[in-house]
Amino acid sequence: MSATTPAAAAATATTATTATTATTATTATTEDPAANPTANPVSDEGPPAGPAEPVDQALMKRVMSSFCTGVAVVTATGADGAPVGMAVQSFTSLSLEPPLICFAPARTSTSWPRVREAGSFAVGILAEDQTELSRAFAASGGDKFTGVSWHACPNGAPALDGALATIECALETELPGGDHTLAVARVTGLHHHREAGPLLYFRRTYGAYTAGTARAAHAA
């Protein structure tokens, strides 16, 4: 039997270590996902299914009406100097830094193009006793400011008297959104007017919020 030289022994040890490392790596990459909850196995379900069936629009309206919202009115001074406004439910705070809000006007709106042209506008958050004001600004066409009390904001937009708060804004961008668009605006001024409950809209019915309990106020 021939003797093993030190160099041969070292080479043999190196080969064994390499083989062990390769075996361990192979085991780690092929282990049972059930034994390792953090594993991310490749799906074998194939490509995603084709386009979904068309959504029933009436059903979608009914389902989405289950989401209760407040009511806001967007107002501006048109190019002709006359006030213009429209009610929106889709209003929300978008960002604190920078301060941004957004809402979604319908593409069919005749008021939004005039507000967009103005560039700066105000958003009035309606109180629970302003149901009729909401109805007036939700209507299409006509002079919505008839009989409405308001004062001018520092940016020149009409601020509705009696609102809970007014937010002055400058339009930043407008994005497509199907039959609506998404208007994003920078907040340029904030005004808190009074303490009262908000006007709510739920399943096509106006309501009020008092002491932690929502109650029906007026039918739409």
C-alpha atoms as a PDB file:
ATOM      1  CA  MET A   1       0.000   0.000   0.000  1.00  0.00           C
ATOM      2  CA  SER A   2       1.423   3.346  -0.979  1.00  0.00           C
ATOM      3  CA  ALA A   3       1.612   6.163   1.559  1.00  0.00           C
ATOM      4  CA  THR A   4      -0.499   9.300   1.136  1.00  0.00           C
ATOM      5  CA  THR A   5       1.559  12.435   0.865  1.00  0.00           C
ATOM      6  CA  PRO A   6       0.568  15.597   2.794  1.00  0.00           C
ATOM      7  CA  ALA A   7      -0.255  17.372  -0.493  1.00  0.00           C
ATOM      8  CA  ALA A   8      -2.566  14.560  -1.594  1.00  0.00           C
ATOM      9  CA  ALA A   9      -4.327  14.550   1.771  1.00  0.00           C
ATOM     10  CA  ALA A  10      -4.946  18.290   1.552  1.00  0.00           C
ATOM     11  CA  ALA A  11      -6.364  17.943  -1.949  1.00  0.00           C
ATOM     12  CA  THR A  12      -8.661  15.140  -0.794  1.00  0.00           C
ATOM     13  CA  ALA A  13      -9.921  17.243   2.146  1.00  0.00           C
ATOM     14  CA  THR A  14     -10.559  20.205  -0.125  1.00  0.00           C
ATOM     15  CA  THR A  15     -12.537  18.031  -2.555  1.00  0.00           C
ATOM     16  CA  ALA A  16     -14.632  16.590   0.279  1.00  0.00           C
ATOM     17  CA  THR A  17     -15.383  20.066   1.661  1.00  0.00           C
ATOM     18  CA  THR A  18     -16.435  21.324  -1.767  1.00  0.00           C
ATOM     19  CA  ALA A  19     -18.719  18.346  -2.284  1.00  0.00           C
ATOM     20  CA  THR A  20     -20.305  18.839   1.131  1.00  0.00           C
ATOM     21  CA  THR A  21     -20.890  22.534   0.425  1.00  0.00           C
ATOM     22  CA  ALA A  22     -22.475  21.775  -2.962  1.00  0.00           C
ATOM     23  CA  THR A  23     -24.722  19.133  -1.400  1.00  0.00           C
ATOM     24  CA  THR A  24     -25.834  21.578   1.313  1.00  0.00           C
ATOM     25  CA  ALA A  25     -26.578  24.307  -1.263  1.00  0.00           C
ATOM     26  CA  THR A  26     -28.586  21.885  -3.376  1.00  0.00           C
ATOM     27  CA  THR A  27     -30.584  20.792  -0.344  1.00  0.00           C
ATOM     28  CA  ALA A  28     -31.284  24.429   0.629  1.00  0.00           C
ATOM     29  CA  THR A  29     -32.653  25.292  -2.778  1.00  0.00           C
ATOM     30  CA  THR A  30     -34.829  22.202  -3.146  1.00  0.00           C
ATOM     31  CA  GLU A  31     -36.213  21.823   0.361  1.00  0.00           C
ATOM     32  CA  ASP A  32     -39.914  21.244   0.907  1.00  0.00           C
ATOM     33  CA  PRO A  33     -41.719  24.606   1.155  1.00  0.00           C
ATOM     34  CA  ALA A  34     -43.930  23.126   3.852  1.00  0.00           C
ATOM     35  CA  ALA A  35     -40.843  22.710   6.016  1.00  0.00           C
ATOM     36  CA  ASN A  36     -39.845  26.343   5.483  1.00  0.00           C
ATOM     37  CA  PRO A  37     -42.738  28.843   5.696  1.00  0.00           C
ATOM     38  CA  THR A  38     -40.500  31.604   4.328  1.00  0.00           C
ATOM     39  CA  ALA A  39     -39.839  29.739   1.087  1.00  0.00           C
ATOM     40  CA  ASN A  40     -41.269  31.255  -2.075  1.00  0.00           C
ATOM     41  CA  PRO A  41     -42.043  28.325  -4.397  1.00  0.00           C
ATOM     42  CA  VAL A  42     -42.581  28.969  -8.085  1.00  0.00           C
ATOM     43  CA  SER A  43     -46.233  28.619  -9.050  1.00  0.00           C
ATOM     44  CA  ASP A  44     -47.055  25.829 -11.480  1.00  0.00           C
ATOM     45  CA  GLU A  45     -50.550  27.110 -12.175  1.00  0.00           C
ATOM     46  CA  GLY A  46     -49.531  28.597 -15.526  1.00  0.00           C
ATOM     47  CA  PRO A  47     -50.354  32.048 -16.888  1.00  0.00           C
ATOM     48  CA  PRO A  48     -53.230  34.072 -15.363  1.00  0.00           C
ATOM     49  CA  ALA A  49     -56.718  33.538 -16.656  1.00  0.00           C
ATOM     50  CA  GLY A  50     -58.171  35.734 -19.377  1.00  0.00           C
ATOM     51  CA  PRO A  51     -60.172  38.940 -18.835  1.00  0.00           C
ATOM     52  CA  ALA A  52     -62.776  38.800 -16.089  1.00  0.00           C
ATOM     53  CA  GLU A  53     -66.450  38.873 -16.909  1.00  0.00           C
ATOM     54  CA  PRO A  54     -67.910  42.409 -17.287  1.00  0.00           C
ATOM     55  CA  VAL A  55     -68.972  43.930 -13.997  1.00  0.00           C
ATOM     56  CA  ASP A  56     -72.655  44.693 -13.547  1.00  0.00           C
ATOM     57  CA  GLN A  57     -72.678  48.489 -13.205  1.00  0.00           C
ATOM     58  CA  ALA A  58     -75.902  48.598 -11.200  1.00  0.00           C
ATOM     59  CA  LEU A  59     -74.487  46.065  -8.744  1.00  0.00           C
ATOM     60  CA  MET A  60     -71.215  47.975  -8.513  1.00  0.00           C
ATOM     61  CA  LYS A  61     -73.095  51.176  -7.649  1.00  0.00           C
ATOM     62  CA  ARG A  62     -75.078  49.324  -4.991  1.00  0.00           C
ATOM     63  CA  VAL A  63     -71.993  47.738  -3.454  1.00  0.00           C
ATOM     64  CA  MET A  64     -69.915  50.924  -3.506  1.00  0.00           C
ATOM     65  CA  SER A  65     -72.768  52.866  -1.908  1.00  0.00           C
ATOM     66  CA  SER A  66     -72.125  50.749   1.189  1.00  0.00           C
ATOM     67  CA  PHE A  67     -69.033  52.866   1.811  1.00  0.00           C
ATOM     68  CA  CYS A  68     -70.153  55.870   3.866  1.00  0.00           C
ATOM     69  CA  THR A  69     -68.560  59.196   2.938  1.00  0.00           C
ATOM     70  CA  GLY A  70     -68.670  62.815   3.906  1.00  0.00           C
ATOM     71  CA  VAL A  71     -69.744  65.481   1.422  1.00  0.00           C
ATOM     72  CA  ALA A  72     -67.602  68.325   0.134  1.00  0.00           C
ATOM     73  CA  VAL A  73     -68.215  71.135  -2.344  1.00  0.00           C
ATOM     74  CA  VAL A  74     -65.458  72.329  -4.664  1.00  0.00           C
ATOM     75  CA  THR A  75     -65.803  76.018  -5.544  1.00  0.00           C
ATOM     76  CA  ALA A  76     -63.891  78.479  -7.709  1.00  0.00           C
ATOM     77  CA  THR A  77     -64.247  81.808  -9.470  1.00  0.00           C
ATOM     78  CA  GLY A  78     -64.677  81.250 -13.179  1.00  0.00           C
ATOM     79  CA  ALA A  79     -62.899  83.138 -15.947  1.00  0.00           C
ATOM     80  CA  ASP A  80     -66.039  85.260 -16.310  1.00  0.00           C
ATOM     81  CA  GLY A  81     -65.859  86.269 -12.639  1.00  0.00           C
ATOM     82  CA  ALA A  82     -68.897  84.199 -11.665  1.00  0.00           C
ATOM     83  CA  PRO A  83     -68.686  81.593  -8.884  1.00  0.00           C
ATOM     84  CA  VAL A  84     -68.814  77.923  -9.884  1.00  0.00           C
ATOM     85  CA  GLY A  85     -69.066  74.811  -7.755  1.00  0.00           C
ATOM     86  CA  MET A  86     -69.863  71.106  -7.567  1.00  0.00           C
ATOM     87  CA  ALA A  87     -70.492  68.536  -4.838  1.00  0.00           C
ATOM     88  CA  VAL A  88     -68.056  65.620  -4.493  1.00  0.00           C
ATOM     89  CA  GLN A  89     -68.012  62.456  -2.375  1.00  0.00           C
ATOM     90  CA  SER A  90     -64.616  61.262  -3.530  1.00  0.00           C
ATOM     91  CA  PHE A  91     -62.654  63.974  -1.694  1.00  0.00           C
ATOM     92  CA  THR A  92     -59.766  62.809   0.498  1.00  0.00           C
ATOM     93  CA  SER A  93     -56.471  63.881   2.014  1.00  0.00           C
ATOM     94  CA  LEU A  94     -53.633  62.448  -0.079  1.00  0.00           C
ATOM     95  CA  SER A  95     -50.348  63.587   1.486  1.00  0.00           C
ATOM     96  CA  LEU A  96     -48.994  65.649   4.370  1.00  0.00           C
ATOM     97  CA  GLU A  97     -45.584  66.293   2.818  1.00  0.00           C
ATOM     98  CA  PRO A  98     -46.189  67.873   0.446  1.00  0.00           C
ATOM     99  CA  PRO A  99     -49.747  68.783   1.537  1.00  0.00           C
ATOM    100  CA  LEU A 100     -52.023  67.323  -1.141  1.00  0.00           C
ATOM    101  CA  ILE A 101     -55.704  66.455  -1.525  1.00  0.00           C
ATOM    102  CA  CYS A 102     -57.537  64.708  -4.340  1.00  0.00           C
ATOM    103  CA  PHE A 103     -61.025  64.102  -5.672  1.00  0.00           C
ATOM    104  CA  ALA A 104     -62.561  62.534  -8.774  1.00  0.00           C
ATOM    105  CA  PRO A 105     -64.771  64.708 -10.998  1.00  0.00           C
ATOM    106  CA  ALA A 106     -66.869  62.984 -13.657  1.00  0.00           C
ATOM    107  CA  ARG A 107     -65.808  63.493 -17.261  1.00  0.00           C
ATOM    108  CA  THR A 108     -69.367  64.608 -17.963  1.00  0.00           C
ATOM    109  CA  SER A 109     -69.196  67.417 -15.393  1.00  0.00           C
ATOM    110  CA  THR A 110     -69.840  70.871 -16.818  1.00  0.00           C
ATOM    111  CA  SER A 111     -68.540  72.582 -13.671  1.00  0.00           C
ATOM    112  CA  TRP A 112     -65.141  70.899 -13.444  1.00  0.00           C
ATOM    113  CA  PRO A 113     -63.718  72.410 -16.671  1.00  0.00           C
ATOM    114  CA  ARG A 114     -64.396  75.878 -15.246  1.00  0.00           C
ATOM    115  CA  VAL A 115     -62.796  74.971 -11.911  1.00  0.00           C
ATOM    116  CA  ARG A 116     -59.809  73.453 -13.728  1.00  0.00           C
ATOM    117  CA  GLU A 117     -59.407  76.615 -15.788  1.00  0.00           C
ATOM    118  CA  ALA A 118     -59.380  78.729 -12.633  1.00  0.00           C
ATOM    119  CA  GLY A 119     -56.454  76.682 -11.299  1.00  0.00           C
ATOM    120  CA  SER A 120     -57.093  77.640  -7.668  1.00  0.00           C
ATOM    121  CA  PHE A 121     -60.208  76.661  -5.760  1.00  0.00           C
ATOM    122  CA  ALA A 122     -61.665  75.902  -2.348  1.00  0.00           C
ATOM    123  CA  VAL A 123     -63.118  72.743  -0.827  1.00  0.00           C
ATOM    124  CA  GLY A 124     -65.883  73.204   1.736  1.00  0.00           C
ATOM    125  CA  ILE A 125     -66.596  70.292   4.089  1.00  0.00           C
ATOM    126  CA  LEU A 126     -70.331  70.288   4.713  1.00  0.00           C
ATOM    127  CA  ALA A 127     -72.028  70.051   8.104  1.00  0.00           C
ATOM    128  CA  GLU A 128     -74.990  67.855   8.985  1.00  0.00           C
ATOM    129  CA  ASP A 129     -77.452  70.741   8.552  1.00  0.00           C
ATOM    130  CA  GLN A 130     -76.363  71.465   4.958  1.00  0.00           C
ATOM    131  CA  THR A 131     -78.253  68.742   3.118  1.00  0.00           C
ATOM    132  CA  GLU A 132     -80.067  71.192   0.845  1.00  0.00           C
ATOM    133  CA  LEU A 133     -76.790  72.890  -0.003  1.00  0.00           C
ATOM    134  CA  SER A 134     -75.370  69.532  -1.063  1.00  0.00           C
ATOM    135  CA  ARG A 135     -78.390  68.845  -3.257  1.00  0.00           C
ATOM    136  CA  ALA A 136     -78.041  72.244  -4.916  1.00  0.00           C
ATOM    137  CA  PHE A 137     -74.395  71.701  -5.816  1.00  0.00           C
ATOM    138  CA  ALA A 138     -74.990  68.089  -6.905  1.00  0.00           C
ATOM    139  CA  ALA A 139     -77.464  69.275  -9.541  1.00  0.00           C
ATOM    140  CA  SER A 140     -76.318  69.708 -13.128  1.00  0.00           C
ATOM    141  CA  GLY A 141     -76.505  73.154 -14.717  1.00  0.00           C
ATOM    142  CA  GLY A 142     -78.161  76.328 -13.478  1.00  0.00           C
ATOM    143  CA  ASP A 143     -76.888  78.913 -11.019  1.00  0.00           C
ATOM    144  CA  LYS A 144     -75.992  76.836  -7.977  1.00  0.00           C
ATOM    145  CA  PHE A 145     -75.131  79.908  -5.908  1.00  0.00           C
ATOM    146  CA  THR A 146     -78.637  81.354  -5.924  1.00  0.00           C
ATOM    147  CA  GLY A 147     -79.553  82.070  -2.301  1.00  0.00           C
ATOM    148  CA  VAL A 148     -76.217  80.693  -1.040  1.00  0.00           C
ATOM    149  CA  SER A 149     -74.239  82.691   1.503  1.00  0.00           C
ATOM    150  CA  TRP A 150     -70.493  82.764   0.916  1.00  0.00           C
ATOM    151  CA  HIS A 151     -67.380  84.874   1.286  1.00  0.00           C
ATOM    152  CA  ALA A 152     -64.146  85.043  -0.684  1.00  0.00           C
ATOM    153  CA  CYS A 153     -61.093  83.033   0.386  1.00  0.00           C
ATOM    154  CA  PRO A 154     -57.649  84.648   0.268  1.00  0.00           C
ATOM    155  CA  ASN A 155     -57.089  82.801  -3.033  1.00  0.00           C
ATOM    156  CA  GLY A 156     -60.258  84.337  -4.473  1.00  0.00           C
ATOM    157  CA  ALA A 157     -62.409  81.193  -4.429  1.00  0.00           C
ATOM    158  CA  PRO A 158     -65.858  81.252  -2.796  1.00  0.00           C
ATOM    159  CA  ALA A 159     -65.989  79.806   0.728  1.00  0.00           C
ATOM    160  CA  LEU A 160     -69.422  78.494   1.717  1.00  0.00           C
ATOM    161  CA  ASP A 161     -70.733  79.959   4.959  1.00  0.00           C
ATOM    162  CA  GLY A 162     -71.724  77.343   7.521  1.00  0.00           C
ATOM    163  CA  ALA A 163     -69.251  74.705   6.354  1.00  0.00           C
ATOM    164  CA  LEU A 164     -67.214  72.853   8.948  1.00  0.00           C
ATOM    165  CA  ALA A 165     -63.962  73.829   7.269  1.00  0.00           C
ATOM    166  CA  THR A 166     -62.542  75.250   4.062  1.00  0.00           C
ATOM    167  CA  ILE A 167     -59.402  74.123   2.278  1.00  0.00           C
ATOM    168  CA  GLU A 168     -57.736  76.400  -0.260  1.00  0.00           C
ATOM    169  CA  CYS A 169     -56.054  74.525  -3.092  1.00  0.00           C
ATOM    170  CA  ALA A 170     -54.049  74.921  -6.288  1.00  0.00           C
ATOM    171  CA  LEU A 171     -54.392  72.257  -8.971  1.00  0.00           C
ATOM    172  CA  GLU A 172     -51.210  70.199  -9.395  1.00  0.00           C
ATOM    173  CA  THR A 173     -52.140  67.480 -11.878  1.00  0.00           C
ATOM    174  CA  GLU A 174     -55.053  65.543 -13.318  1.00  0.00           C
ATOM    175  CA  LEU A 175     -54.894  61.832 -14.102  1.00  0.00           C
ATOM    176  CA  PRO A 176     -57.227  59.641 -16.198  1.00  0.00           C
ATOM    177  CA  GLY A 177     -59.595  57.377 -14.304  1.00  0.00           C
ATOM    178  CA  GLY A 178     -62.106  55.778 -16.644  1.00  0.00           C
ATOM    179  CA  ASP A 179     -65.337  57.789 -16.735  1.00  0.00           C
ATOM    180  CA  HIS A 180     -63.839  60.108 -14.095  1.00  0.00           C
ATOM    181  CA  THR A 181     -60.511  61.850 -13.674  1.00  0.00           C
ATOM    182  CA  LEU A 182     -58.373  62.143 -10.555  1.00  0.00           C
ATOM    183  CA  ALA A 183     -57.584  65.751  -9.656  1.00  0.00           C
ATOM    184  CA  VAL A 184     -54.610  66.239  -7.317  1.00  0.00           C
ATOM    185  CA  ALA A 185     -54.155  69.655  -5.699  1.00  0.00           C
ATOM    186  CA  ARG A 186     -51.724  71.286  -3.302  1.00  0.00           C
ATOM    187  CA  VAL A 187     -53.161  72.729  -0.088  1.00  0.00           C
ATOM    188  CA  THR A 188     -52.424  76.461   0.183  1.00  0.00           C
ATOM    189  CA  GLY A 189     -54.683  77.427   3.072  1.00  0.00           C
ATOM    190  CA  LEU A 190     -56.706  75.843   5.872  1.00  0.00           C
ATOM    191  CA  HIS A 191     -59.682  77.295   7.774  1.00  0.00           C
ATOM    192  CA  HIS A 192     -61.663  75.633  10.590  1.00  0.00           C
ATOM    193  CA  HIS A 193     -65.025  77.355  10.997  1.00  0.00           C
ATOM    194  CA  ARG A 194     -67.209  75.615  13.576  1.00  0.00           C
ATOM    195  CA  GLU A 195     -67.802  72.540  15.706  1.00  0.00           C
ATOM    196  CA  ALA A 196     -70.689  70.426  14.400  1.00  0.00           C
ATOM    197  CA  GLY A 197     -71.378  66.982  13.030  1.00  0.00           C
ATOM    198  CA  PRO A 198     -70.495  66.203   9.400  1.00  0.00           C
ATOM    199  CA  LEU A 199     -72.980  65.573   6.609  1.00  0.00           C
ATOM    200  CA  LEU A 200     -72.782  61.898   5.602  1.00  0.00           C
ATOM    201  CA  TYR A 201     -73.915  60.024   2.510  1.00  0.00           C
ATOM    202  CA  PHE A 202     -74.658  56.296   2.727  1.00  0.00           C
ATOM    203  CA  ARG A 203     -76.625  54.135   0.289  1.00  0.00           C
ATOM    204  CA  ARG A 204     -78.042  57.164  -1.496  1.00  0.00           C
ATOM    205  CA  THR A 205     -79.271  58.650   1.776  1.00  0.00           C
ATOM    206  CA  TYR A 206     -78.002  61.679   3.701  1.00  0.00           C
ATOM    207  CA  GLY A 207     -77.301  61.185   7.367  1.00  0.00           C
ATOM    208  CA  ALA A 208     -75.605  62.654  10.420  1.00  0.00           C
ATOM    209  CA  TYR A 209     -73.039  61.495  12.950  1.00  0.00           C
ATOM    210  CA  THR A 210     -73.663  62.137  16.633  1.00  0.00           C
ATOM    211  CA  ALA A 211     -71.810  60.818  19.705  1.00  0.00           C
ATOM    212  CA  GLY A 212     -70.443  57.771  17.932  1.00  0.00           C
ATOM    213  CA  THR A 213     -73.727  56.842  16.278  1.00  0.00           C
ATOM    214  CA  ALA A 214     -74.723  57.478  12.683  1.00  0.00           C
ATOM    215  CA  ARG A 215     -78.389  58.337  12.249  1.00  0.00           C
ATOM    216  CA  ALA A 216     -80.534  58.926   9.182  1.00  0.00           C
ATOM    217  CA  ALA A 217     -81.159  62.579   8.459  1.00  0.00           C
ATOM    218  CA  HIS A 218     -82.838  62.992   5.091  1.00  0.00           C
ATOM    219  CA  ALA A 219     -83.714  60.739   2.167  1.00  0.00           C
ATOM    220  CA  ALA A 220     -81.881  61.524  -1.056  1.00  0.00           C
END
